[in-house]
């Protein structure tokens, strides 16, 4: 099942956002992904950020800094983004297991150099940003009311196949 990759973006201007900030450990006993939905980024402390705010509710893309998803290896961290309709995260780098859990779930973890991330953050200063992702052409198009940025990205053929299939289970079902 192919997901939409794009939409309104939210910007989290901090490195090392960990899995406990993404989904607090006290909710890991929930038995469905949907039960996690209200707790996305509940413990994230970031100036001007409100985890219950409208900008997060409307977001379909997250743009952030380096080492996103560090901490424990819980699958719940990507899941909580998925159940909130966020299928694309753009960062300078990821914790390895978080990144792979994104691809395993059919979600898109785009890594861009710091200079490109800085360009996206600069675009955000001129107003709200809408991002569209062309997975086939491997390109991110970010637009604000003032201007736009087009940024190419790299993704391995295998990770692209996982995303296109909708995740590891769908990929395996189609091949084995």
N, C-alpha and C. Protein backbone atom coordinates (compact mmCIF):
# COMPACT_ATOMS: atom_id res chain seq x y z
N UNK A 1 0.84 -1.18 0.00
CA UNK A 1 0.00 0.00 0.00
C UNK A 1 0.88 1.23 0.00
N UNK A 2 0.85 1.97 -1.07
CA UNK A 2 1.69 3.16 -1.21
C UNK A 2 1.07 4.33 -0.44
N UNK A 3 1.90 5.03 0.31
CA UNK A 3 1.45 6.17 1.11
C UNK A 3 1.75 7.47 0.38
N UNK A 4 1.09 8.52 0.80
CA UNK A 4 1.39 9.85 0.27
C UNK A 4 2.62 10.39 0.97
N UNK A 5 3.51 10.97 0.23
CA UNK A 5 4.73 11.52 0.79
C UNK A 5 4.78 13.01 0.50
N UNK A 6 4.21 13.77 1.40
CA UNK A 6 4.23 15.21 1.25
C UNK A 6 3.05 15.83 1.95
N UNK A 7 3.08 17.17 1.98
CA UNK A 7 2.03 17.93 2.63
C UNK A 7 2.62 19.02 3.48
N UNK A 8 1.82 19.58 4.38
CA UNK A 8 2.33 20.64 5.26
C UNK A 8 3.48 20.11 6.12
N UNK A 9 4.50 20.94 6.29
CA UNK A 9 5.68 20.53 7.06
C UNK A 9 5.72 21.21 8.42
N UNK A 10 6.26 20.47 9.38
CA UNK A 10 6.58 21.04 10.69
C UNK A 10 8.09 20.93 10.86
N UNK A 11 8.68 21.95 11.45
CA UNK A 11 10.13 22.05 11.59
C UNK A 11 10.51 21.91 13.06
N UNK A 12 11.35 20.94 13.36
CA UNK A 12 11.84 20.70 14.71
C UNK A 12 13.33 21.00 14.70
N UNK A 13 13.68 22.20 15.15
CA UNK A 13 15.04 22.71 15.01
C UNK A 13 15.92 22.28 16.18
N UNK A 14 16.21 20.98 16.21
CA UNK A 14 17.08 20.43 17.23
C UNK A 14 17.64 19.10 16.78
N UNK A 15 18.86 18.83 17.14
CA UNK A 15 19.48 17.52 16.90
C UNK A 15 19.15 16.58 18.05
N UNK A 16 19.37 15.31 17.84
CA UNK A 16 19.28 14.28 18.88
C UNK A 16 17.89 14.16 19.51
N UNK A 17 16.85 14.32 18.73
CA UNK A 17 15.50 14.07 19.25
C UNK A 17 15.37 12.55 19.37
N UNK A 18 15.12 12.10 20.60
CA UNK A 18 15.17 10.66 20.86
C UNK A 18 13.79 10.01 20.88
N UNK A 19 13.80 8.70 20.92
CA UNK A 19 12.54 7.95 20.84
C UNK A 19 11.65 8.17 22.06
N UNK A 20 12.24 8.50 23.22
CA UNK A 20 11.41 8.82 24.38
C UNK A 20 10.66 10.14 24.19
N UNK A 21 11.25 11.06 23.45
CA UNK A 21 10.56 12.32 23.15
C UNK A 21 9.52 12.11 22.05
N UNK A 22 9.79 11.18 21.15
CA UNK A 22 8.85 10.89 20.06
C UNK A 22 7.59 10.21 20.61
N UNK A 23 7.79 9.17 21.43
CA UNK A 23 6.68 8.47 22.08
C UNK A 23 7.17 8.00 23.45
N UNK A 24 6.68 8.62 24.52
CA UNK A 24 7.15 8.26 25.86
C UNK A 24 6.94 6.77 26.17
N UNK A 25 7.90 6.21 26.88
CA UNK A 25 7.90 4.77 27.19
C UNK A 25 6.64 4.32 27.92
N UNK A 26 6.02 5.21 28.69
CA UNK A 26 4.83 4.80 29.46
C UNK A 26 3.66 4.38 28.57
N UNK A 27 3.72 4.69 27.26
CA UNK A 27 2.64 4.31 26.35
C UNK A 27 2.95 3.05 25.55
N UNK A 28 4.08 2.44 25.79
CA UNK A 28 4.49 1.28 24.99
C UNK A 28 3.69 0.03 25.31
N UNK A 29 2.85 0.08 26.30
CA UNK A 29 1.99 -1.07 26.63
C UNK A 29 0.70 -1.07 25.81
N UNK A 30 0.45 0.00 25.06
CA UNK A 30 -0.75 0.05 24.21
C UNK A 30 -0.70 -1.10 23.22
N UNK A 31 -1.86 -1.65 22.88
CA UNK A 31 -1.89 -2.84 22.03
C UNK A 31 -2.21 -2.54 20.56
N UNK A 32 -2.53 -1.29 20.24
CA UNK A 32 -2.76 -0.92 18.85
C UNK A 32 -1.95 0.32 18.51
N UNK A 33 -1.62 0.46 17.26
CA UNK A 33 -0.93 1.67 16.81
C UNK A 33 -1.80 2.90 17.05
N UNK A 34 -3.08 2.79 16.76
CA UNK A 34 -3.99 3.94 16.92
C UNK A 34 -4.02 4.47 18.34
N UNK A 35 -3.82 3.61 19.33
CA UNK A 35 -3.83 4.05 20.72
C UNK A 35 -2.67 5.00 21.02
N UNK A 36 -1.63 4.96 20.20
CA UNK A 36 -0.46 5.84 20.39
C UNK A 36 -0.71 7.25 19.88
N UNK A 37 -1.67 7.42 19.01
CA UNK A 37 -1.88 8.67 18.27
C UNK A 37 -1.81 9.96 19.09
N UNK A 38 -2.48 10.08 20.22
CA UNK A 38 -2.48 11.37 20.93
C UNK A 38 -1.16 11.72 21.62
N UNK A 39 -0.19 10.81 21.62
CA UNK A 39 1.02 11.03 22.42
C UNK A 39 2.25 11.40 21.59
N UNK A 40 2.08 11.64 20.31
CA UNK A 40 3.20 12.01 19.43
C UNK A 40 3.93 13.24 19.97
N UNK A 41 5.21 13.09 20.17
CA UNK A 41 6.11 14.17 20.60
C UNK A 41 5.70 14.82 21.92
N UNK A 42 4.94 14.08 22.73
CA UNK A 42 4.42 14.61 23.98
C UNK A 42 5.50 15.16 24.90
N UNK A 43 6.66 14.51 24.96
CA UNK A 43 7.72 14.93 25.87
C UNK A 43 8.81 15.76 25.20
N UNK A 44 8.59 16.21 23.98
CA UNK A 44 9.59 17.04 23.29
C UNK A 44 9.54 18.46 23.83
N UNK A 45 10.67 18.91 24.32
CA UNK A 45 10.81 20.28 24.80
C UNK A 45 11.59 21.06 23.75
N UNK A 46 10.91 22.02 23.15
CA UNK A 46 11.51 22.81 22.09
C UNK A 46 10.79 24.16 22.08
N UNK A 47 11.54 25.23 22.13
CA UNK A 47 10.93 26.55 22.20
C UNK A 47 9.92 26.75 21.08
N UNK A 48 8.71 27.16 21.47
CA UNK A 48 7.65 27.43 20.50
C UNK A 48 6.89 26.22 20.02
N UNK A 49 7.27 25.02 20.48
CA UNK A 49 6.61 23.81 20.02
C UNK A 49 5.53 23.38 21.00
N UNK A 50 4.36 23.07 20.48
CA UNK A 50 3.25 22.58 21.29
C UNK A 50 2.80 21.24 20.71
N UNK A 51 3.01 20.14 21.44
CA UNK A 51 2.64 18.83 20.89
C UNK A 51 1.14 18.67 20.65
N UNK A 52 0.34 19.53 21.21
CA UNK A 52 -1.11 19.47 20.99
C UNK A 52 -1.55 20.57 20.03
N UNK A 53 -0.59 21.29 19.46
CA UNK A 53 -0.89 22.43 18.60
C UNK A 53 -1.37 22.04 17.21
N UNK A 54 -1.97 23.00 16.56
CA UNK A 54 -2.54 22.79 15.23
C UNK A 54 -1.48 22.46 14.19
N UNK A 55 -0.28 23.05 14.31
CA UNK A 55 0.74 22.79 13.29
C UNK A 55 1.15 21.32 13.26
N UNK A 56 1.22 20.67 14.42
CA UNK A 56 1.54 19.24 14.44
C UNK A 56 0.35 18.43 13.95
N UNK A 57 -0.84 18.83 14.30
CA UNK A 57 -2.04 18.11 13.86
C UNK A 57 -2.15 18.10 12.34
N UNK A 58 -1.74 19.18 11.70
CA UNK A 58 -1.86 19.31 10.24
C UNK A 58 -0.64 18.78 9.49
N UNK A 59 0.47 18.60 10.18
CA UNK A 59 1.72 18.22 9.53
C UNK A 59 1.64 16.84 8.88
N UNK A 60 2.26 16.72 7.72
CA UNK A 60 2.40 15.44 7.03
C UNK A 60 3.87 15.13 6.77
N UNK A 61 4.74 16.14 7.06
CA UNK A 61 6.18 16.01 6.87
C UNK A 61 6.86 16.65 8.08
N UNK A 62 7.93 16.02 8.57
CA UNK A 62 8.77 16.60 9.62
C UNK A 62 10.13 16.91 9.01
N UNK A 63 10.64 18.11 9.29
CA UNK A 63 11.99 18.49 8.90
C UNK A 63 12.75 18.76 10.20
N UNK A 64 13.92 18.14 10.34
CA UNK A 64 14.65 18.25 11.58
C UNK A 64 16.16 18.16 11.33
N UNK A 65 16.90 18.09 12.38
CA UNK A 65 18.37 18.10 12.32
C UNK A 65 18.95 16.69 12.39
N UNK A 66 20.14 16.56 12.94
CA UNK A 66 20.86 15.28 12.90
C UNK A 66 20.50 14.33 14.04
N UNK A 67 20.76 13.05 13.78
CA UNK A 67 20.61 11.97 14.75
C UNK A 67 19.17 11.83 15.24
N UNK A 68 18.22 12.00 14.34
CA UNK A 68 16.81 11.88 14.69
C UNK A 68 16.48 10.43 15.02
N UNK A 69 15.70 10.22 16.08
CA UNK A 69 15.27 8.88 16.46
C UNK A 69 16.29 8.10 17.25
N UNK A 70 17.25 8.80 17.87
CA UNK A 70 18.24 8.11 18.70
C UNK A 70 17.56 7.59 19.96
N UNK A 71 18.26 6.78 20.71
CA UNK A 71 17.69 6.22 21.94
C UNK A 71 17.39 4.75 21.74
N UNK A 72 16.27 4.31 22.25
CA UNK A 72 15.94 2.88 22.17
C UNK A 72 15.48 2.51 20.76
N UNK A 73 15.41 1.23 20.51
CA UNK A 73 15.12 0.74 19.16
C UNK A 73 13.65 0.46 18.92
N UNK A 74 12.78 1.07 19.69
CA UNK A 74 11.35 0.75 19.61
C UNK A 74 10.73 1.09 18.25
N UNK A 75 9.94 0.16 17.74
CA UNK A 75 9.19 0.40 16.50
C UNK A 75 8.07 1.41 16.70
N UNK A 76 7.68 1.62 17.93
CA UNK A 76 6.59 2.53 18.23
C UNK A 76 6.88 3.95 17.74
N UNK A 77 8.15 4.33 17.69
CA UNK A 77 8.50 5.70 17.29
C UNK A 77 8.05 5.98 15.85
N UNK A 78 8.39 5.17 14.86
CA UNK A 78 7.84 5.41 13.53
C UNK A 78 6.32 5.21 13.47
N UNK A 79 5.81 4.25 14.23
CA UNK A 79 4.38 3.98 14.21
C UNK A 79 3.56 5.20 14.61
N UNK A 80 4.02 5.93 15.62
CA UNK A 80 3.25 7.08 16.09
C UNK A 80 3.20 8.18 15.03
N UNK A 81 4.25 8.30 14.22
CA UNK A 81 4.17 9.23 13.09
C UNK A 81 3.16 8.73 12.07
N UNK A 82 3.23 7.43 11.77
CA UNK A 82 2.34 6.84 10.77
C UNK A 82 0.87 7.05 11.13
N UNK A 83 0.48 6.78 12.38
CA UNK A 83 -0.92 6.91 12.75
C UNK A 83 -1.38 8.37 12.81
N UNK A 84 -0.42 9.28 12.79
CA UNK A 84 -0.75 10.71 12.74
C UNK A 84 -0.65 11.26 11.31
N UNK A 85 -0.51 10.37 10.33
CA UNK A 85 -0.51 10.78 8.93
C UNK A 85 0.80 11.38 8.45
N UNK A 86 1.87 11.20 9.22
CA UNK A 86 3.19 11.70 8.83
C UNK A 86 3.99 10.52 8.31
N UNK A 87 4.22 10.50 6.99
CA UNK A 87 4.92 9.39 6.37
C UNK A 87 6.28 9.79 5.82
N UNK A 88 6.67 11.06 6.03
CA UNK A 88 7.94 11.56 5.52
C UNK A 88 8.65 12.35 6.62
N UNK A 89 9.89 11.98 6.88
CA UNK A 89 10.74 12.75 7.78
C UNK A 89 12.02 13.06 7.01
N UNK A 90 12.41 14.32 7.07
CA UNK A 90 13.62 14.79 6.39
C UNK A 90 14.58 15.28 7.46
N UNK A 91 15.78 14.70 7.49
CA UNK A 91 16.75 15.04 8.53
C UNK A 91 18.17 14.97 7.96
N UNK A 92 19.10 15.54 8.73
CA UNK A 92 20.51 15.43 8.35
C UNK A 92 20.99 13.99 8.50
N UNK A 93 20.53 13.32 9.55
CA UNK A 93 20.89 11.92 9.78
C UNK A 93 19.90 11.32 10.77
N UNK A 94 19.92 10.00 10.85
CA UNK A 94 19.02 9.24 11.71
C UNK A 94 19.80 8.24 12.54
N UNK A 95 19.23 7.86 13.66
CA UNK A 95 19.72 6.67 14.34
C UNK A 95 19.41 5.50 13.40
N UNK A 96 20.35 4.59 13.26
CA UNK A 96 20.26 3.53 12.26
C UNK A 96 18.97 2.70 12.38
N UNK A 97 18.62 2.29 13.58
CA UNK A 97 17.44 1.43 13.75
C UNK A 97 16.16 2.21 13.47
N UNK A 98 16.08 3.46 13.91
CA UNK A 98 14.89 4.26 13.62
C UNK A 98 14.71 4.39 12.12
N UNK A 99 15.79 4.71 11.41
CA UNK A 99 15.74 4.88 9.96
C UNK A 99 15.22 3.59 9.30
N UNK A 100 15.77 2.44 9.70
CA UNK A 100 15.34 1.20 9.09
C UNK A 100 13.90 0.86 9.44
N UNK A 101 13.48 1.17 10.66
CA UNK A 101 12.08 0.95 11.04
C UNK A 101 11.14 1.81 10.19
N UNK A 102 11.58 3.00 9.82
CA UNK A 102 10.77 3.84 8.91
C UNK A 102 10.57 3.11 7.58
N UNK A 103 11.65 2.68 6.98
CA UNK A 103 11.56 1.98 5.69
C UNK A 103 10.77 0.67 5.82
N UNK A 104 11.00 -0.06 6.90
CA UNK A 104 10.27 -1.32 7.12
C UNK A 104 8.76 -1.09 7.18
N UNK A 105 8.35 0.09 7.63
CA UNK A 105 6.94 0.44 7.70
C UNK A 105 6.42 1.12 6.44
N UNK A 106 7.26 1.21 5.42
CA UNK A 106 6.84 1.84 4.16
C UNK A 106 6.84 3.35 4.22
N UNK A 107 7.56 3.90 5.18
CA UNK A 107 7.65 5.35 5.35
C UNK A 107 8.97 5.84 4.79
N UNK A 108 9.06 7.12 4.58
CA UNK A 108 10.22 7.70 3.91
C UNK A 108 11.08 8.50 4.88
N UNK A 109 12.33 8.07 5.05
CA UNK A 109 13.32 8.77 5.87
C UNK A 109 14.36 9.34 4.91
N UNK A 110 14.23 10.62 4.61
CA UNK A 110 15.13 11.27 3.65
C UNK A 110 16.26 11.93 4.41
N UNK A 111 17.49 11.60 4.00
CA UNK A 111 18.68 12.24 4.58
C UNK A 111 19.22 13.26 3.60
N UNK A 112 19.42 14.48 4.11
CA UNK A 112 19.97 15.56 3.30
C UNK A 112 21.17 16.18 4.02
N UNK A 113 22.12 16.70 3.27
CA UNK A 113 23.24 17.39 3.91
C UNK A 113 22.77 18.62 4.70
N UNK A 114 23.57 19.02 5.67
CA UNK A 114 23.24 20.15 6.53
C UNK A 114 22.89 21.39 5.73
N UNK A 115 23.61 21.66 4.66
CA UNK A 115 23.35 22.86 3.84
C UNK A 115 21.93 22.83 3.27
N UNK A 116 21.47 21.67 2.84
CA UNK A 116 20.11 21.56 2.30
C UNK A 116 19.06 21.67 3.40
N UNK A 117 19.34 21.08 4.56
CA UNK A 117 18.43 21.23 5.70
C UNK A 117 18.34 22.71 6.09
N UNK A 118 19.46 23.39 6.09
CA UNK A 118 19.48 24.83 6.40
C UNK A 118 18.64 25.61 5.39
N UNK A 119 18.68 25.22 4.12
CA UNK A 119 17.85 25.88 3.09
C UNK A 119 16.37 25.69 3.39
N UNK A 120 15.99 24.51 3.84
CA UNK A 120 14.59 24.26 4.18
C UNK A 120 14.17 25.09 5.40
N UNK A 121 15.03 25.15 6.40
CA UNK A 121 14.71 25.97 7.58
C UNK A 121 14.61 27.45 7.20
N UNK A 122 15.46 27.91 6.29
CA UNK A 122 15.39 29.31 5.84
C UNK A 122 14.07 29.56 5.12
N UNK A 123 13.62 28.61 4.33
CA UNK A 123 12.35 28.73 3.62
C UNK A 123 11.19 28.84 4.61
N UNK A 124 11.28 28.10 5.68
CA UNK A 124 10.24 28.10 6.71
C UNK A 124 10.10 29.46 7.38
N UNK A 125 11.18 30.22 7.44
CA UNK A 125 11.12 31.55 8.08
C UNK A 125 10.26 32.53 7.28
N UNK A 126 9.98 32.20 6.03
CA UNK A 126 9.14 33.09 5.21
C UNK A 126 7.68 32.67 5.20
N UNK A 127 7.32 31.71 6.04
CA UNK A 127 5.92 31.28 6.13
C UNK A 127 5.80 29.77 6.17
N UNK A 128 4.55 29.31 6.19
CA UNK A 128 4.33 27.86 6.23
C UNK A 128 4.88 27.22 4.95
N UNK A 129 5.27 25.97 5.08
CA UNK A 129 5.92 25.26 3.98
C UNK A 129 5.13 24.01 3.64
N UNK A 130 4.93 23.82 2.37
CA UNK A 130 4.31 22.61 1.81
C UNK A 130 5.42 21.86 1.08
N UNK A 131 5.54 20.57 1.36
CA UNK A 131 6.59 19.77 0.74
C UNK A 131 5.94 18.66 -0.08
N UNK A 132 6.44 18.48 -1.29
CA UNK A 132 6.04 17.32 -2.07
C UNK A 132 7.29 16.52 -2.41
N UNK A 133 7.13 15.21 -2.43
CA UNK A 133 8.25 14.31 -2.68
C UNK A 133 7.95 13.49 -3.91
N UNK A 134 8.86 13.52 -4.86
CA UNK A 134 8.80 12.66 -6.03
C UNK A 134 9.76 11.52 -5.78
N UNK A 135 9.24 10.39 -5.32
CA UNK A 135 10.08 9.25 -4.97
C UNK A 135 10.79 8.69 -6.19
N UNK A 136 10.08 8.63 -7.30
CA UNK A 136 10.69 8.08 -8.52
C UNK A 136 11.88 8.92 -8.98
N UNK A 137 11.72 10.24 -8.99
CA UNK A 137 12.80 11.14 -9.41
C UNK A 137 13.75 11.49 -8.27
N UNK A 138 13.40 11.06 -7.05
CA UNK A 138 14.20 11.32 -5.86
C UNK A 138 14.46 12.81 -5.69
N UNK A 139 13.35 13.53 -5.53
CA UNK A 139 13.42 14.98 -5.41
C UNK A 139 12.40 15.48 -4.38
N UNK A 140 12.84 16.46 -3.60
CA UNK A 140 11.98 17.14 -2.64
C UNK A 140 11.72 18.55 -3.18
N UNK A 141 10.45 18.94 -3.26
CA UNK A 141 10.08 20.30 -3.65
C UNK A 141 9.38 20.93 -2.45
N UNK A 142 9.99 21.99 -1.92
CA UNK A 142 9.44 22.69 -0.76
C UNK A 142 9.02 24.08 -1.20
N UNK A 143 7.77 24.46 -0.84
CA UNK A 143 7.24 25.77 -1.25
C UNK A 143 6.70 26.53 -0.05
N UNK A 144 7.05 27.81 -0.01
CA UNK A 144 6.40 28.74 0.92
C UNK A 144 5.75 29.80 0.05
N UNK A 145 5.10 30.76 0.67
CA UNK A 145 4.46 31.83 -0.13
C UNK A 145 5.50 32.70 -0.83
N UNK A 146 6.72 32.72 -0.33
CA UNK A 146 7.76 33.59 -0.88
C UNK A 146 8.59 32.95 -1.99
N UNK A 147 8.87 31.65 -1.85
CA UNK A 147 9.74 31.00 -2.85
C UNK A 147 9.67 29.49 -2.69
N UNK A 148 10.48 28.79 -3.49
CA UNK A 148 10.52 27.33 -3.40
C UNK A 148 11.95 26.83 -3.54
N UNK A 149 12.17 25.62 -3.06
CA UNK A 149 13.46 24.95 -3.15
C UNK A 149 13.23 23.55 -3.72
N UNK A 150 14.06 23.16 -4.65
CA UNK A 150 14.03 21.81 -5.21
C UNK A 150 15.35 21.15 -4.82
N UNK A 151 15.25 20.01 -4.12
CA UNK A 151 16.44 19.37 -3.58
C UNK A 151 16.42 17.88 -3.90
N UNK A 152 17.42 17.39 -4.62
CA UNK A 152 17.49 15.95 -4.89
C UNK A 152 17.95 15.19 -3.64
N UNK A 153 17.57 13.92 -3.56
CA UNK A 153 18.02 13.07 -2.44
C UNK A 153 18.37 11.69 -2.97
N UNK A 154 19.14 10.98 -2.17
CA UNK A 154 19.55 9.61 -2.50
C UNK A 154 18.76 8.63 -1.63
N UNK A 155 18.44 7.50 -2.21
CA UNK A 155 17.82 6.40 -1.47
C UNK A 155 18.27 5.11 -2.16
N UNK A 156 18.60 4.10 -1.38
CA UNK A 156 19.07 2.85 -1.98
C UNK A 156 17.90 2.19 -2.73
N UNK A 157 18.22 1.41 -3.76
CA UNK A 157 17.16 0.71 -4.49
C UNK A 157 16.31 -0.18 -3.56
N UNK A 158 16.94 -0.84 -2.59
CA UNK A 158 16.19 -1.71 -1.68
C UNK A 158 15.23 -0.90 -0.80
N UNK A 159 15.72 0.19 -0.21
CA UNK A 159 14.86 1.03 0.63
C UNK A 159 13.72 1.63 -0.20
N UNK A 160 14.01 2.01 -1.41
CA UNK A 160 12.98 2.54 -2.31
C UNK A 160 11.92 1.47 -2.59
N UNK A 161 12.37 0.23 -2.79
CA UNK A 161 11.44 -0.88 -3.02
C UNK A 161 10.56 -1.13 -1.80
N UNK A 162 11.15 -1.03 -0.60
CA UNK A 162 10.35 -1.19 0.62
C UNK A 162 9.28 -0.11 0.71
N UNK A 163 9.66 1.12 0.45
CA UNK A 163 8.72 2.24 0.53
C UNK A 163 7.63 2.09 -0.52
N UNK A 164 8.02 1.78 -1.73
CA UNK A 164 7.06 1.62 -2.83
C UNK A 164 6.07 0.50 -2.54
N UNK A 165 6.55 -0.59 -1.94
CA UNK A 165 5.68 -1.73 -1.63
C UNK A 165 4.73 -1.42 -0.48
N UNK A 166 5.10 -0.45 0.36
CA UNK A 166 4.29 -0.14 1.54
C UNK A 166 4.89 -0.68 2.82
N UNK A 167 6.08 -1.25 2.74
CA UNK A 167 6.77 -1.76 3.92
C UNK A 167 7.30 -3.16 3.71
N UNK A 168 8.03 -3.65 4.70
CA UNK A 168 8.69 -4.94 4.60
C UNK A 168 7.70 -6.09 4.41
N UNK A 169 6.61 -6.12 5.14
CA UNK A 169 5.65 -7.23 5.04
C UNK A 169 5.08 -7.28 3.64
N UNK A 170 4.66 -6.15 3.11
CA UNK A 170 4.09 -6.10 1.74
C UNK A 170 5.15 -6.47 0.71
N UNK A 171 6.38 -6.01 0.92
CA UNK A 171 7.49 -6.34 0.02
C UNK A 171 7.69 -7.85 0.00
N UNK A 172 7.75 -8.48 1.17
CA UNK A 172 7.97 -9.92 1.26
C UNK A 172 6.81 -10.70 0.68
N UNK A 173 5.58 -10.26 0.98
CA UNK A 173 4.39 -10.95 0.46
C UNK A 173 4.39 -10.97 -1.07
N UNK A 174 4.85 -9.91 -1.69
CA UNK A 174 4.84 -9.82 -3.14
C UNK A 174 5.96 -10.67 -3.78
N UNK A 175 6.95 -11.05 -3.00
CA UNK A 175 8.12 -11.74 -3.59
C UNK A 175 8.30 -13.18 -3.12
N UNK A 176 7.74 -13.54 -1.99
CA UNK A 176 8.04 -14.87 -1.44
C UNK A 176 6.80 -15.70 -1.26
